[in-house]
């Protein structure tokens, strides 16, 4: 039950955040909205759980950058 709630909450929040980013023209989306959680969370879980490693800023930036073409402040990282 808790796992389902966590996944639902994560998906919902990502969907809302990215819908706002699209609406404000902050991003032109490339990624399928159904894949967002896997694209963003997958590499972090893999690095920590499977490789017992740490998550770098670069590893966080790559999946975020792959979602689409970012405009404005987000491109000044």
N, C-alpha and C. Protein backbone atom coordinates (compact mmCIF):
# COMPACT_ATOMS: atom_id res chain seq x y z
N UNK A 1 0.82 -1.20 0.00
CA UNK A 1 0.00 0.00 0.00
C UNK A 1 0.87 1.27 0.00
N UNK A 2 1.89 1.31 0.86
CA UNK A 2 2.74 2.49 0.94
C UNK A 2 3.54 2.68 -0.35
N UNK A 3 4.01 1.60 -0.95
CA UNK A 3 4.76 1.70 -2.20
C UNK A 3 3.90 2.32 -3.29
N UNK A 4 2.67 1.86 -3.40
CA UNK A 4 1.75 2.40 -4.40
C UNK A 4 1.50 3.88 -4.18
N UNK A 5 1.33 4.27 -2.92
CA UNK A 5 1.11 5.69 -2.61
C UNK A 5 2.33 6.52 -2.98
N UNK A 6 3.53 6.02 -2.66
CA UNK A 6 4.75 6.76 -2.97
C UNK A 6 4.91 6.94 -4.48
N UNK A 7 4.66 5.88 -5.23
CA UNK A 7 4.76 5.98 -6.69
C UNK A 7 3.73 6.94 -7.26
N UNK A 8 2.53 6.86 -6.75
CA UNK A 8 1.47 7.75 -7.22
C UNK A 8 1.80 9.21 -6.90
N UNK A 9 2.27 9.46 -5.69
CA UNK A 9 2.63 10.82 -5.29
C UNK A 9 3.79 11.35 -6.13
N UNK A 10 4.79 10.53 -6.35
CA UNK A 10 5.94 10.95 -7.16
C UNK A 10 5.51 11.27 -8.58
N UNK A 11 4.76 10.37 -9.18
CA UNK A 11 4.30 10.58 -10.56
C UNK A 11 3.44 11.83 -10.68
N UNK A 12 2.55 12.01 -9.73
CA UNK A 12 1.66 13.18 -9.76
C UNK A 12 2.44 14.48 -9.63
N UNK A 13 3.38 14.52 -8.73
CA UNK A 13 4.16 15.74 -8.51
C UNK A 13 5.06 16.06 -9.70
N UNK A 14 5.66 15.04 -10.28
CA UNK A 14 6.48 15.26 -11.47
C UNK A 14 5.63 15.76 -12.63
N UNK A 15 4.47 15.16 -12.79
CA UNK A 15 3.57 15.56 -13.86
C UNK A 15 3.15 17.01 -13.72
N UNK A 16 2.80 17.43 -12.52
CA UNK A 16 2.39 18.81 -12.28
C UNK A 16 3.55 19.77 -12.49
N UNK A 17 4.72 19.44 -11.95
CA UNK A 17 5.88 20.31 -12.08
C UNK A 17 6.27 20.50 -13.54
N UNK A 18 6.27 19.42 -14.29
CA UNK A 18 6.66 19.54 -15.69
C UNK A 18 5.56 20.19 -16.53
N UNK A 19 4.31 19.99 -16.18
CA UNK A 19 3.22 20.69 -16.88
C UNK A 19 3.36 22.19 -16.69
N UNK A 20 3.72 22.61 -15.49
CA UNK A 20 3.95 24.04 -15.23
C UNK A 20 5.16 24.55 -16.02
N UNK A 21 6.21 23.73 -16.09
CA UNK A 21 7.39 24.13 -16.85
C UNK A 21 7.07 24.25 -18.34
N UNK A 22 6.25 23.35 -18.86
CA UNK A 22 5.84 23.42 -20.27
C UNK A 22 4.97 24.66 -20.49
N UNK A 23 4.02 24.88 -19.58
CA UNK A 23 3.10 26.02 -19.72
C UNK A 23 3.84 27.36 -19.68
N UNK A 24 4.91 27.43 -18.90
CA UNK A 24 5.68 28.68 -18.80
C UNK A 24 6.82 28.73 -19.82
N UNK A 25 6.84 27.75 -20.72
CA UNK A 25 7.84 27.66 -21.79
C UNK A 25 9.27 27.52 -21.26
N UNK A 26 9.38 26.92 -20.11
CA UNK A 26 10.70 26.66 -19.53
C UNK A 26 11.33 25.42 -20.17
N UNK A 27 10.48 24.52 -20.71
CA UNK A 27 10.98 23.30 -21.34
C UNK A 27 10.10 22.91 -22.52
N UNK A 28 10.74 22.40 -23.57
CA UNK A 28 10.06 21.73 -24.66
C UNK A 28 10.30 20.25 -24.42
N UNK A 29 9.26 19.54 -24.01
CA UNK A 29 9.40 18.14 -23.59
C UNK A 29 9.73 17.21 -24.75
N UNK A 30 10.68 16.29 -24.51
CA UNK A 30 11.01 15.21 -25.43
C UNK A 30 10.49 13.89 -24.87
N UNK A 31 10.54 13.76 -23.56
CA UNK A 31 10.24 12.49 -22.91
C UNK A 31 8.73 12.23 -22.85
N UNK A 32 8.39 10.96 -22.87
CA UNK A 32 7.00 10.55 -22.69
C UNK A 32 6.65 10.74 -21.21
N UNK A 33 5.57 11.42 -20.92
CA UNK A 33 5.20 11.66 -19.51
C UNK A 33 5.07 10.38 -18.68
N UNK A 34 4.72 9.27 -19.31
CA UNK A 34 4.59 8.01 -18.58
C UNK A 34 5.95 7.46 -18.13
N UNK A 35 7.03 7.94 -18.74
CA UNK A 35 8.37 7.45 -18.41
C UNK A 35 9.13 8.35 -17.44
N UNK A 36 8.54 9.45 -17.02
CA UNK A 36 9.27 10.45 -16.24
C UNK A 36 9.91 9.90 -14.97
N UNK A 37 9.14 9.18 -14.18
CA UNK A 37 9.68 8.66 -12.92
C UNK A 37 10.86 7.73 -13.16
N UNK A 38 10.72 6.85 -14.13
CA UNK A 38 11.81 5.90 -14.42
C UNK A 38 13.05 6.63 -14.90
N UNK A 39 12.86 7.64 -15.74
CA UNK A 39 14.00 8.40 -16.27
C UNK A 39 14.71 9.15 -15.15
N UNK A 40 13.95 9.75 -14.26
CA UNK A 40 14.56 10.58 -13.21
C UNK A 40 15.06 9.80 -12.02
N UNK A 41 14.32 8.81 -11.57
CA UNK A 41 14.66 8.10 -10.35
C UNK A 41 15.53 6.87 -10.60
N UNK A 42 15.34 6.25 -11.76
CA UNK A 42 16.06 5.02 -12.06
C UNK A 42 17.56 5.08 -11.87
N UNK A 43 18.24 6.07 -12.48
CA UNK A 43 19.71 6.13 -12.33
C UNK A 43 20.16 6.33 -10.88
N UNK A 44 19.40 7.06 -10.11
CA UNK A 44 19.77 7.32 -8.72
C UNK A 44 19.63 6.06 -7.89
N UNK A 45 18.53 5.33 -8.09
CA UNK A 45 18.34 4.08 -7.35
C UNK A 45 19.39 3.05 -7.77
N UNK A 46 19.65 2.97 -9.06
CA UNK A 46 20.65 2.02 -9.55
C UNK A 46 22.02 2.30 -8.92
N UNK A 47 22.42 3.57 -8.94
CA UNK A 47 23.74 3.93 -8.40
C UNK A 47 23.83 3.61 -6.91
N UNK A 48 22.80 3.90 -6.15
CA UNK A 48 22.87 3.69 -4.71
C UNK A 48 22.61 2.24 -4.30
N UNK A 49 21.59 1.62 -4.89
CA UNK A 49 21.21 0.27 -4.46
C UNK A 49 22.04 -0.82 -5.12
N UNK A 50 22.27 -0.70 -6.41
CA UNK A 50 22.95 -1.77 -7.13
C UNK A 50 24.48 -1.62 -7.10
N UNK A 51 24.95 -0.38 -7.15
CA UNK A 51 26.39 -0.15 -7.18
C UNK A 51 26.96 0.31 -5.85
N UNK A 52 26.10 0.56 -4.88
CA UNK A 52 26.52 1.05 -3.56
C UNK A 52 27.42 2.28 -3.69
N UNK A 53 27.08 3.14 -4.65
CA UNK A 53 27.87 4.34 -4.89
C UNK A 53 27.14 5.60 -4.47
N UNK A 54 27.80 6.70 -4.66
CA UNK A 54 27.21 8.00 -4.35
C UNK A 54 26.67 8.63 -5.63
N UNK A 55 25.76 9.54 -5.46
CA UNK A 55 25.11 10.20 -6.59
C UNK A 55 25.74 11.58 -6.77
N UNK A 56 26.33 11.80 -7.94
CA UNK A 56 26.96 13.08 -8.23
C UNK A 56 25.93 14.06 -8.80
N UNK A 57 26.29 15.32 -8.81
CA UNK A 57 25.43 16.33 -9.42
C UNK A 57 25.23 16.02 -10.91
N UNK A 58 26.28 15.53 -11.54
CA UNK A 58 26.22 15.19 -12.96
C UNK A 58 25.18 14.08 -13.21
N UNK A 59 25.13 13.08 -12.34
CA UNK A 59 24.17 11.99 -12.49
C UNK A 59 22.74 12.50 -12.30
N UNK A 60 22.55 13.49 -11.49
CA UNK A 60 21.22 14.09 -11.32
C UNK A 60 20.87 14.96 -12.52
N UNK A 61 21.83 15.73 -13.01
CA UNK A 61 21.58 16.63 -14.13
C UNK A 61 21.26 15.90 -15.43
N UNK A 62 21.93 14.79 -15.70
CA UNK A 62 21.74 14.09 -16.97
C UNK A 62 20.29 13.69 -17.23
N UNK A 63 19.62 13.00 -16.32
CA UNK A 63 18.23 12.64 -16.61
C UNK A 63 17.30 13.86 -16.70
N UNK A 64 17.56 14.87 -15.89
CA UNK A 64 16.74 16.09 -15.96
C UNK A 64 16.92 16.75 -17.32
N UNK A 65 18.15 16.85 -17.77
CA UNK A 65 18.44 17.47 -19.06
C UNK A 65 17.85 16.66 -20.22
N UNK A 66 17.72 15.35 -20.05
CA UNK A 66 17.22 14.49 -21.13
C UNK A 66 15.71 14.58 -21.33
N UNK A 67 15.01 15.24 -20.42
CA UNK A 67 13.56 15.33 -20.54
C UNK A 67 13.12 16.21 -21.70
N UNK A 68 13.95 17.18 -22.06
CA UNK A 68 13.59 18.08 -23.14
C UNK A 68 14.61 19.19 -23.28
N UNK A 69 14.27 20.17 -24.08
CA UNK A 69 15.14 21.34 -24.27
C UNK A 69 14.71 22.40 -23.27
N UNK A 70 15.59 22.70 -22.33
CA UNK A 70 15.30 23.67 -21.28
C UNK A 70 15.59 25.09 -21.78
N UNK A 71 14.79 26.04 -21.36
CA UNK A 71 14.94 27.45 -21.72
C UNK A 71 15.10 28.27 -20.45
N UNK A 72 15.69 29.42 -20.56
CA UNK A 72 15.75 30.35 -19.43
C UNK A 72 16.72 29.94 -18.36
N UNK A 73 16.39 30.21 -17.07
CA UNK A 73 17.32 30.02 -15.97
C UNK A 73 17.86 28.59 -15.85
N UNK A 74 17.08 27.60 -16.20
CA UNK A 74 17.54 26.20 -16.06
C UNK A 74 18.72 25.90 -16.98
N UNK A 75 18.91 26.66 -18.04
CA UNK A 75 20.03 26.40 -18.96
C UNK A 75 21.32 27.01 -18.46
N UNK A 76 21.28 27.75 -17.37
CA UNK A 76 22.48 28.42 -16.86
C UNK A 76 23.11 27.65 -15.71
N UNK A 77 22.99 26.34 -15.69
CA UNK A 77 23.57 25.55 -14.61
C UNK A 77 25.06 25.59 -14.62
